[in-house]
Amino acid sequence: MRQVKLRITGKVQGVFFRASTLEKAQQLHIKGWVKNEPDGSVSAVGQGPDSSLQNWIDWCREGPSEARVESVEVEEQPISALQQFEIIR
């Protein structure tokens, strides 16, 4: 089990990135959150088993079909008490 925080840049707002990230996280049983940032990037926190979390990170490097991901910064974090995956507005 591990937890990471992602900062995703590129054309990642207005392309269903948050909704698609939520759907993928639920498929992989990842807990955490995703939100748009004022600078046009997307931030996300994910927590789960190593293999599922790595699959989710790899998916975030591509995103949904309309997205154009330029970079994904991955920061390891201490495990926190997350109950589900949600979109923060």
PDB file of N, CA and C in Angstrom:
ATOM      1  N   MET A   1       0.850  -1.181   0.000  1.00  0.00           N
ATOM      2  CA  MET A   1       0.000   0.000   0.000  1.00  0.00           C
ATOM      3  C   MET A   1       0.889   1.235   0.000  1.00  0.00           C
ATOM      4  N   ARG A   2       0.544   2.184  -0.873  1.00  0.00           N
ATOM      5  CA  ARG A   2       1.277   3.446  -0.883  1.00  0.00           C
ATOM      6  C   ARG A   2       0.344   4.568  -1.303  1.00  0.00           C
ATOM      7  N   GLN A   3       0.808   5.782  -1.113  1.00  0.00           N
ATOM      8  CA  GLN A   3       0.028   6.965  -1.462  1.00  0.00           C
ATOM      9  C   GLN A   3       0.924   7.940  -2.204  1.00  0.00           C
ATOM     10  N   VAL A   4       0.373   8.542  -3.264  1.00  0.00           N
ATOM     11  CA  VAL A   4       1.115   9.518  -4.054  1.00  0.00           C
ATOM     12  C   VAL A   4       0.243  10.733  -4.320  1.00  0.00           C
ATOM     13  N   LYS A   5       0.913  11.864  -4.552  1.00  0.00           N
ATOM     14  CA  LYS A   5       0.236  13.070  -5.035  1.00  0.00           C
ATOM     15  C   LYS A   5       0.774  13.344  -6.432  1.00  0.00           C
ATOM     16  N   LEU A   6      -0.133  13.615  -7.365  1.00  0.00           N
ATOM     17  CA  LEU A   6       0.236  13.901  -8.745  1.00  0.00           C
ATOM     18  C   LEU A   6      -0.085  15.342  -9.084  1.00  0.00           C
ATOM     19  N   ARG A   7       0.768  15.949  -9.912  1.00  0.00           N
ATOM     20  CA  ARG A   7       0.477  17.238 -10.546  1.00  0.00           C
ATOM     21  C   ARG A   7       0.574  16.984 -12.037  1.00  0.00           C
ATOM     22  N   ILE A   8      -0.556  17.167 -12.724  1.00  0.00           N
ATOM     23  CA  ILE A   8      -0.659  16.829 -14.138  1.00  0.00           C
ATOM     24  C   ILE A   8      -0.831  18.120 -14.923  1.00  0.00           C
ATOM     25  N   THR A   9       0.051  18.341 -15.912  1.00  0.00           N
ATOM     26  CA  THR A   9      -0.013  19.567 -16.701  1.00  0.00           C
ATOM     27  C   THR A   9      -0.275  19.243 -18.166  1.00  0.00           C
ATOM     28  N   GLY A  10      -0.696  20.264 -18.895  1.00  0.00           N
ATOM     29  CA  GLY A  10      -1.028  20.128 -20.309  1.00  0.00           C
ATOM     30  C   GLY A  10      -2.463  20.566 -20.518  1.00  0.00           C
ATOM     31  N   LYS A  11      -3.093  20.052 -21.549  1.00  0.00           N
ATOM     32  CA  LYS A  11      -4.516  20.322 -21.788  1.00  0.00           C
ATOM     33  C   LYS A  11      -5.299  19.294 -20.976  1.00  0.00           C
ATOM     34  N   VAL A  12      -5.521  19.619 -19.699  1.00  0.00           N
ATOM     35  CA  VAL A  12      -6.118  18.656 -18.778  1.00  0.00           C
ATOM     36  C   VAL A  12      -7.371  19.192 -18.084  1.00  0.00           C
ATOM     37  N   GLN A  13      -7.786  20.402 -18.417  1.00  0.00           N
ATOM     38  CA  GLN A  13      -9.042  20.931 -17.895  1.00  0.00           C
ATOM     39  C   GLN A  13     -10.009  21.109 -19.050  1.00  0.00           C
ATOM     40  N   GLY A  14     -11.293  20.854 -18.789  1.00  0.00           N
ATOM     41  CA  GLY A  14     -12.310  20.970 -19.824  1.00  0.00           C
ATOM     42  C   GLY A  14     -12.333  19.798 -20.784  1.00  0.00           C
ATOM     43  N   VAL A  15     -11.691  18.690 -20.413  1.00  0.00           N
ATOM     44  CA  VAL A  15     -11.617  17.499 -21.281  1.00  0.00           C
ATOM     45  C   VAL A  15     -12.045  16.233 -20.518  1.00  0.00           C
ATOM     46  N   PHE A  16     -12.835  16.414 -19.458  1.00  0.00           N
ATOM     47  CA  PHE A  16     -13.337  15.302 -18.641  1.00  0.00           C
ATOM     48  C   PHE A  16     -12.225  14.541 -17.923  1.00  0.00           C
ATOM     49  N   PHE A  17     -11.103  15.237 -17.632  1.00  0.00           N
ATOM     50  CA  PHE A  17      -9.985  14.570 -16.957  1.00  0.00           C
ATOM     51  C   PHE A  17     -10.382  14.105 -15.559  1.00  0.00           C
ATOM     52  N   ARG A  18     -11.040  14.990 -14.789  1.00  0.00           N
ATOM     53  CA  ARG A  18     -11.409  14.612 -13.418  1.00  0.00           C
ATOM     54  C   ARG A  18     -12.384  13.438 -13.399  1.00  0.00           C
ATOM     55  N   ALA A  19     -13.420  13.506 -14.223  1.00  0.00           N
ATOM     56  CA  ALA A  19     -14.418  12.426 -14.253  1.00  0.00           C
ATOM     57  C   ALA A  19     -13.788  11.111 -14.703  1.00  0.00           C
ATOM     58  N   SER A  20     -12.914  11.178 -15.687  1.00  0.00           N
ATOM     59  CA  SER A  20     -12.253   9.965 -16.183  1.00  0.00           C
ATOM     60  C   SER A  20     -11.280   9.406 -15.152  1.00  0.00           C
ATOM     61  N   THR A  21     -10.597  10.291 -14.424  1.00  0.00           N
ATOM     62  CA  THR A  21      -9.670   9.864 -13.373  1.00  0.00           C
ATOM     63  C   THR A  21     -10.431   9.172 -12.248  1.00  0.00           C
ATOM     64  N   LEU A  22     -11.585   9.721 -11.887  1.00  0.00           N
ATOM     65  CA  LEU A  22     -12.451   9.100 -10.881  1.00  0.00           C
ATOM     66  C   LEU A  22     -12.872   7.702 -11.328  1.00  0.00           C
ATOM     67  N   GLU A  23     -13.327   7.580 -12.564  1.00  0.00           N
ATOM     68  CA  GLU A  23     -13.773   6.287 -13.084  1.00  0.00           C
ATOM     69  C   GLU A  23     -12.641   5.256 -13.062  1.00  0.00           C
ATOM     70  N   LYS A  24     -11.450   5.668 -13.511  1.00  0.00           N
ATOM     71  CA  LYS A  24     -10.305   4.745 -13.528  1.00  0.00           C
ATOM     72  C   LYS A  24      -9.914   4.349 -12.104  1.00  0.00           C
ATOM     73  N   ALA A  25      -9.911   5.314 -11.184  1.00  0.00           N
ATOM     74  CA  ALA A  25      -9.569   5.021  -9.791  1.00  0.00           C
ATOM     75  C   ALA A  25     -10.553   4.016  -9.191  1.00  0.00           C
ATOM     76  N   GLN A  26     -11.831   4.186  -9.480  1.00  0.00           N
ATOM     77  CA  GLN A  26     -12.829   3.255  -8.952  1.00  0.00           C
ATOM     78  C   GLN A  26     -12.632   1.855  -9.532  1.00  0.00           C
ATOM     79  N   GLN A  27     -12.296   1.761 -10.814  1.00  0.00           N
ATOM     80  CA  GLN A  27     -12.031   0.453 -11.428  1.00  0.00           C
ATOM     81  C   GLN A  27     -10.870  -0.260 -10.742  1.00  0.00           C
ATOM     82  N   LEU A  28      -9.863   0.525 -10.330  1.00  0.00           N
ATOM     83  CA  LEU A  28      -8.644  -0.038  -9.739  1.00  0.00           C
ATOM     84  C   LEU A  28      -8.679  -0.075  -8.209  1.00  0.00           C
ATOM     85  N   HIS A  29      -9.807   0.340  -7.601  1.00  0.00           N
ATOM     86  CA  HIS A  29      -9.965   0.371  -6.143  1.00  0.00           C
ATOM     87  C   HIS A  29      -8.945   1.304  -5.483  1.00  0.00           C
ATOM     88  N   ILE A  30      -8.739   2.466  -6.115  1.00  0.00           N
ATOM     89  CA  ILE A  30      -7.855   3.507  -5.585  1.00  0.00           C
ATOM     90  C   ILE A  30      -8.707   4.498  -4.799  1.00  0.00           C
ATOM     91  N   LYS A  31      -8.227   4.914  -3.641  1.00  0.00           N
ATOM     92  CA  LYS A  31      -8.896   5.946  -2.844  1.00  0.00           C
ATOM     93  C   LYS A  31      -8.139   7.251  -3.030  1.00  0.00           C
ATOM     94  N   GLY A  32      -8.835   8.384  -2.871  1.00  0.00           N
ATOM     95  CA  GLY A  32      -8.172   9.675  -2.975  1.00  0.00           C
ATOM     96  C   GLY A  32      -9.077  10.736  -3.540  1.00  0.00           C
ATOM     97  N   TRP A  33      -8.487  11.657  -4.295  1.00  0.00           N
ATOM     98  CA  TRP A  33      -9.251  12.763  -4.863  1.00  0.00           C
ATOM     99  C   TRP A  33      -8.549  13.330  -6.081  1.00  0.00           C
ATOM    100  N   VAL A  34      -9.298  14.148  -6.848  1.00  0.00           N
ATOM    101  CA  VAL A  34      -8.754  14.849  -8.010  1.00  0.00           C
ATOM    102  C   VAL A  34      -9.409  16.221  -8.068  1.00  0.00           C
ATOM    103  N   LYS A  35      -8.643  17.249  -8.462  1.00  0.00           N
ATOM    104  CA  LYS A  35      -9.224  18.590  -8.572  1.00  0.00           C
ATOM    105  C   LYS A  35      -8.466  19.430  -9.584  1.00  0.00           C
ATOM    106  N   ASN A  36      -9.186  20.394 -10.171  1.00  0.00           N
ATOM    107  CA  ASN A  36      -8.578  21.381 -11.053  1.00  0.00           C
ATOM    108  C   ASN A  36      -7.862  22.421 -10.214  1.00  0.00           C
ATOM    109  N   GLU A  37      -6.738  22.917 -10.713  1.00  0.00           N
ATOM    110  CA  GLU A  37      -5.988  23.980 -10.051  1.00  0.00           C
ATOM    111  C   GLU A  37      -6.132  25.277 -10.848  1.00  0.00           C
ATOM    112  N   PRO A  38      -5.998  26.431 -10.181  1.00  0.00           N
ATOM    113  CA  PRO A  38      -6.143  27.714 -10.878  1.00  0.00           C
ATOM    114  C   PRO A  38      -5.148  27.920 -12.024  1.00  0.00           C
ATOM    115  N   ASP A  39      -3.988  27.254 -11.983  1.00  0.00           N
ATOM    116  CA  ASP A  39      -2.975  27.441 -13.035  1.00  0.00           C
ATOM    117  C   ASP A  39      -3.233  26.579 -14.271  1.00  0.00           C
ATOM    118  N   GLY A  40      -4.365  25.844 -14.290  1.00  0.00           N
ATOM    119  CA  GLY A  40      -4.690  25.009 -15.445  1.00  0.00           C
ATOM    120  C   GLY A  40      -4.260  23.563 -15.313  1.00  0.00           C
ATOM    121  N   SER A  41      -3.547  23.239 -14.243  1.00  0.00           N
ATOM    122  CA  SER A  41      -3.133  21.852 -14.015  1.00  0.00           C
ATOM    123  C   SER A  41      -4.226  21.107 -13.246  1.00  0.00           C
ATOM    124  N   VAL A  42      -4.008  19.822 -13.057  1.00  0.00           N
ATOM    125  CA  VAL A  42      -4.880  18.987 -12.235  1.00  0.00           C
ATOM    126  C   VAL A  42      -4.013  18.354 -11.157  1.00  0.00           C
ATOM    127  N   SER A  43      -4.509  18.363  -9.912  1.00  0.00           N
ATOM    128  CA  SER A  43      -3.847  17.669  -8.810  1.00  0.00           C
ATOM    129  C   SER A  43      -4.679  16.462  -8.434  1.00  0.00           C
ATOM    130  N   ALA A  44      -4.008  15.405  -8.013  1.00  0.00           N
ATOM    131  CA  ALA A  44      -4.713  14.200  -7.579  1.00  0.00           C
ATOM    132  C   ALA A  44      -3.896  13.496  -6.509  1.00  0.00           C
ATOM    133  N   VAL A  45      -4.593  12.866  -5.594  1.00  0.00           N
ATOM    134  CA  VAL A  45      -3.970  11.993  -4.603  1.00  0.00           C
ATOM    135  C   VAL A  45      -4.581  10.619  -4.781  1.00  0.00           C
ATOM    136  N   GLY A  46      -3.726   9.609  -4.814  1.00  0.00           N
ATOM    137  CA  GLY A  46      -4.196   8.233  -4.929  1.00  0.00           C
ATOM    138  C   GLY A  46      -3.538   7.351  -3.896  1.00  0.00           C
ATOM    139  N   GLN A  47      -4.317   6.409  -3.376  1.00  0.00           N
ATOM    140  CA  GLN A  47      -3.818   5.470  -2.375  1.00  0.00           C
ATOM    141  C   GLN A  47      -4.332   4.077  -2.728  1.00  0.00           C
ATOM    142  N   GLY A  48      -3.430   3.110  -2.717  1.00  0.00           N
ATOM    143  CA  GLY A  48      -3.845   1.744  -3.014  1.00  0.00           C
ATOM    144  C   GLY A  48      -2.655   0.816  -3.104  1.00  0.00           C
ATOM    145  N   PRO A  49      -2.916  -0.446  -3.463  1.00  0.00           N
ATOM    146  CA  PRO A  49      -1.831  -1.412  -3.644  1.00  0.00           C
ATOM    147  C   PRO A  49      -0.879  -0.950  -4.752  1.00  0.00           C
ATOM    148  N   ASP A  50       0.390  -1.299  -4.621  1.00  0.00           N
ATOM    149  CA  ASP A  50       1.416  -0.836  -5.566  1.00  0.00           C
ATOM    150  C   ASP A  50       1.037  -1.033  -7.026  1.00  0.00           C
ATOM    151  N   SER A  51       0.600  -2.237  -7.395  1.00  0.00           N
ATOM    152  CA  SER A  51       0.332  -2.504  -8.815  1.00  0.00           C
ATOM    153  C   SER A  51      -0.849  -1.690  -9.324  1.00  0.00           C
ATOM    154  N   SER A  52      -1.913  -1.588  -8.532  1.00  0.00           N
ATOM    155  CA  SER A  52      -3.074  -0.790  -8.940  1.00  0.00           C
ATOM    156  C   SER A  52      -2.704   0.685  -9.041  1.00  0.00           C
ATOM    157  N   LEU A  53      -1.944   1.162  -8.067  1.00  0.00           N
ATOM    158  CA  LEU A  53      -1.558   2.569  -8.063  1.00  0.00           C
ATOM    159  C   LEU A  53      -0.671   2.886  -9.262  1.00  0.00           C
ATOM    160  N   GLN A  54       0.246   1.996  -9.597  1.00  0.00           N
ATOM    161  CA  GLN A  54       1.109   2.227 -10.763  1.00  0.00           C
ATOM    162  C   GLN A  54       0.288   2.236 -12.050  1.00  0.00           C
ATOM    163  N   ASN A  55      -0.707   1.355 -12.167  1.00  0.00           N
ATOM    164  CA  ASN A  55      -1.599   1.374 -13.337  1.00  0.00           C
ATOM    165  C   ASN A  55      -2.342   2.696 -13.445  1.00  0.00           C
ATOM    166  N   TRP A  56      -2.793   3.221 -12.309  1.00  0.00           N
ATOM    167  CA  TRP A  56      -3.511   4.502 -12.279  1.00  0.00           C
ATOM    168  C   TRP A  56      -2.584   5.650 -12.688  1.00  0.00           C
ATOM    169  N   ILE A  57      -1.358   5.660 -12.155  1.00  0.00           N
ATOM    170  CA  ILE A  57      -0.381   6.695 -12.527  1.00  0.00           C
ATOM    171  C   ILE A  57      -0.099   6.626 -14.027  1.00  0.00           C
ATOM    172  N   ASP A  58       0.108   5.426 -14.544  1.00  0.00           N
ATOM    173  CA  ASP A  58       0.355   5.265 -15.983  1.00  0.00           C
ATOM    174  C   ASP A  58      -0.823   5.778 -16.798  1.00  0.00           C
ATOM    175  N   TRP A  59      -2.045   5.500 -16.343  1.00  0.00           N
ATOM    176  CA  TRP A  59      -3.232   6.012 -17.041  1.00  0.00           C
ATOM    177  C   TRP A  59      -3.240   7.544 -17.023  1.00  0.00           C
ATOM    178  N   CYS A  60      -2.889   8.142 -15.877  1.00  0.00           N
ATOM    179  CA  CYS A  60      -2.878   9.611 -15.762  1.00  0.00           C
ATOM    180  C   CYS A  60      -1.864  10.241 -16.717  1.00  0.00           C
ATOM    181  N   ARG A  61      -0.839   9.524 -17.092  1.00  0.00           N
ATOM    182  CA  ARG A  61       0.146  10.046 -18.052  1.00  0.00           C
ATOM    183  C   ARG A  61      -0.463  10.191 -19.447  1.00  0.00           C
ATOM    184  N   GLU A  62      -1.552   9.489 -19.723  1.00  0.00           N
ATOM    185  CA  GLU A  62      -2.260   9.570 -21.013  1.00  0.00           C
ATOM    186  C   GLU A  62      -3.552  10.364 -20.880  1.00  0.00           C
ATOM    187  N   GLY A  63      -4.360  10.045 -19.868  1.00  0.00           N
ATOM    188  CA  GLY A  63      -5.633  10.710 -19.651  1.00  0.00           C
ATOM    189  C   GLY A  63      -6.682  10.304 -20.664  1.00  0.00           C
ATOM    190  N   PRO A  64      -7.840  10.977 -20.627  1.00  0.00           N
ATOM    191  CA  PRO A  64      -8.897  10.688 -21.594  1.00  0.00           C
ATOM    192  C   PRO A  64      -8.494  11.149 -22.991  1.00  0.00           C
ATOM    193  N   SER A  65      -9.253  10.735 -23.984  1.00  0.00           N
ATOM    194  CA  SER A  65      -8.843  10.959 -25.380  1.00  0.00           C
ATOM    195  C   SER A  65      -8.671  12.431 -25.748  1.00  0.00           C
ATOM    196  N   GLU A  66      -9.468  13.338 -25.172  1.00  0.00           N
ATOM    197  CA  GLU A  66      -9.345  14.757 -25.526  1.00  0.00           C
ATOM    198  C   GLU A  66      -8.170  15.453 -24.826  1.00  0.00           C
ATOM    199  N   ALA A  67      -7.624  14.832 -23.792  1.00  0.00           N
ATOM    200  CA  ALA A  67      -6.534  15.446 -23.021  1.00  0.00           C
ATOM    201  C   ALA A  67      -5.214  15.358 -23.786  1.00  0.00           C
ATOM    202  N   ARG A  68      -4.333  16.300 -23.487  1.00  0.00           N
ATOM    203  CA  ARG A  68      -2.961  16.282 -23.998  1.00  0.00           C
ATOM    204  C   ARG A  68      -2.044  16.496 -22.794  1.00  0.00           C
ATOM    205  N   VAL A  69      -1.640  15.402 -22.163  1.00  0.00           N
ATOM    206  CA  VAL A  69      -0.818  15.475 -20.954  1.00  0.00           C
ATOM    207  C   VAL A  69       0.614  15.808 -21.351  1.00  0.00           C
ATOM    208  N   GLU A  70       1.158  16.866 -20.731  1.00  0.00           N
ATOM    209  CA  GLU A  70       2.558  17.247 -20.965  1.00  0.00           C
ATOM    210  C   GLU A  70       3.477  16.618 -19.925  1.00  0.00           C
ATOM    211  N   SER A  71       3.065  16.657 -18.661  1.00  0.00           N
ATOM    212  CA  SER A  71       3.913  16.084 -17.609  1.00  0.00           C
ATOM    213  C   SER A  71       3.069  15.623 -16.431  1.00  0.00           C
ATOM    214  N   VAL A  72       3.619  14.651 -15.706  1.00  0.00           N
ATOM    215  CA  VAL A  72       3.016  14.168 -14.465  1.00  0.00           C
ATOM    216  C   VAL A  72       4.124  14.106 -13.422  1.00  0.00           C
ATOM    217  N   GLU A  73       4.014  14.949 -12.406  1.00  0.00           N
ATOM    218  CA  GLU A  73       4.954  14.915 -11.285  1.00  0.00           C
ATOM    219  C   GLU A  73       4.361  13.994 -10.224  1.00  0.00           C
ATOM    220  N   VAL A  74       5.171  13.070  -9.722  1.00  0.00           N
ATOM    221  CA  VAL A  74       4.715  12.095  -8.728  1.00  0.00           C
ATOM    222  C   VAL A  74       5.489  12.324  -7.439  1.00  0.00           C
ATOM    223  N   GLU A  75       4.759  12.538  -6.352  1.00  0.00           N
ATOM    224  CA  GLU A  75       5.368  12.755  -5.037  1.00  0.00           C
ATOM    225  C   GLU A  75       4.816  11.710  -4.069  1.00  0.00           C
ATOM    226  N   GLU A  76       5.698  10.898  -3.502  1.00  0.00           N
ATOM    227  CA  GLU A  76       5.270   9.914  -2.500  1.00  0.00           C
ATOM    228  C   GLU A  76       4.798  10.657  -1.252  1.00  0.00           C
ATOM    229  N   GLN A  77       3.758  10.140  -0.622  1.00  0.00           N
ATOM    230  CA  GLN A  77       3.205  10.748   0.584  1.00  0.00           C
ATOM    231  C   GLN A  77       3.003   9.688   1.655  1.00  0.00           C
ATOM    232  N   PRO A  78       2.935  10.127   2.923  1.00  0.00           N
ATOM    233  CA  PRO A  78       2.567   9.178   3.978  1.00  0.00           C
ATOM    234  C   PRO A  78       1.113   8.728   3.771  1.00  0.00           C
ATOM    235  N   ILE A  79       0.813   7.522   4.178  1.00  0.00           N
ATOM    236  CA  ILE A  79      -0.553   6.997   4.077  1.00  0.00           C
ATOM    237  C   ILE A  79      -1.465   7.814   4.994  1.00  0.00           C
ATOM    238  N   SER A  80      -2.611   8.235   4.465  1.00  0.00           N
ATOM    239  CA  SER A  80      -3.607   8.934   5.274  1.00  0.00           C
ATOM    240  C   SER A  80      -4.926   8.168   5.204  1.00  0.00           C
ATOM    241  N   ALA A  81      -5.884   8.589   6.011  1.00  0.00           N
ATOM    242  CA  ALA A  81      -7.167   7.881   6.107  1.00  0.00           C
ATOM    243  C   ALA A  81      -8.115   8.364   5.009  1.00  0.00           C
ATOM    244  N   LEU A  82      -8.035   7.752   3.840  1.00  0.00           N
ATOM    245  CA  LEU A  82      -8.932   8.083   2.734  1.00  0.00           C
ATOM    246  C   LEU A  82     -10.008   7.006   2.650  1.00  0.00           C
ATOM    247  N   GLN A  83     -11.261   7.422   2.439  1.00  0.00           N
ATOM    248  CA  GLN A  83     -12.379   6.483   2.443  1.00  0.00           C
ATOM    249  C   GLN A  83     -12.848   6.082   1.051  1.00  0.00           C
ATOM    250  N   GLN A  84     -12.683   6.979   0.070  1.00  0.00           N
ATOM    251  CA  GLN A  84     -13.202   6.757  -1.283  1.00  0.00           C
ATOM    252  C   GLN A  84     -12.416   7.631  -2.243  1.00  0.00           C
ATOM    253  N   PHE A  85     -12.779   7.616  -3.516  1.00  0.00           N
ATOM    254  CA  PHE A  85     -12.182   8.541  -4.477  1.00  0.00           C
ATOM    255  C   PHE A  85     -13.248   9.559  -4.841  1.00  0.00           C
ATOM    256  N   GLU A  86     -12.875  10.841  -4.841  1.00  0.00           N
ATOM    257  CA  GLU A  86     -13.856  11.886  -5.113  1.00  0.00           C
ATOM    258  C   GLU A  86     -13.260  13.019  -5.930  1.00  0.00           C
ATOM    259  N   ILE A  87     -14.144  13.750  -6.574  1.00  0.00           N
ATOM    260  CA  ILE A  87     -13.765  14.972  -7.279  1.00  0.00           C
ATOM    261  C   ILE A  87     -13.962  16.124  -6.310  1.00  0.00           C
ATOM    262  N   ILE A  88     -12.922  16.926  -6.130  1.00  0.00           N
ATOM    263  CA  ILE A  88     -13.017  18.123  -5.291  1.00  0.00           C
ATOM    264  C   ILE A  88     -13.266  19.302  -6.215  1.00  0.00           C
ATOM    265  N   ARG A  89     -14.298  20.065  -5.930  1.00  0.00           N
ATOM    266  CA  ARG A  89     -14.648  21.223  -6.761  1.00  0.00           C
ATOM    267  C   ARG A  89     -14.313  22.511  -6.047  1.00  0.00           C
TER     268      ARG A  89
END
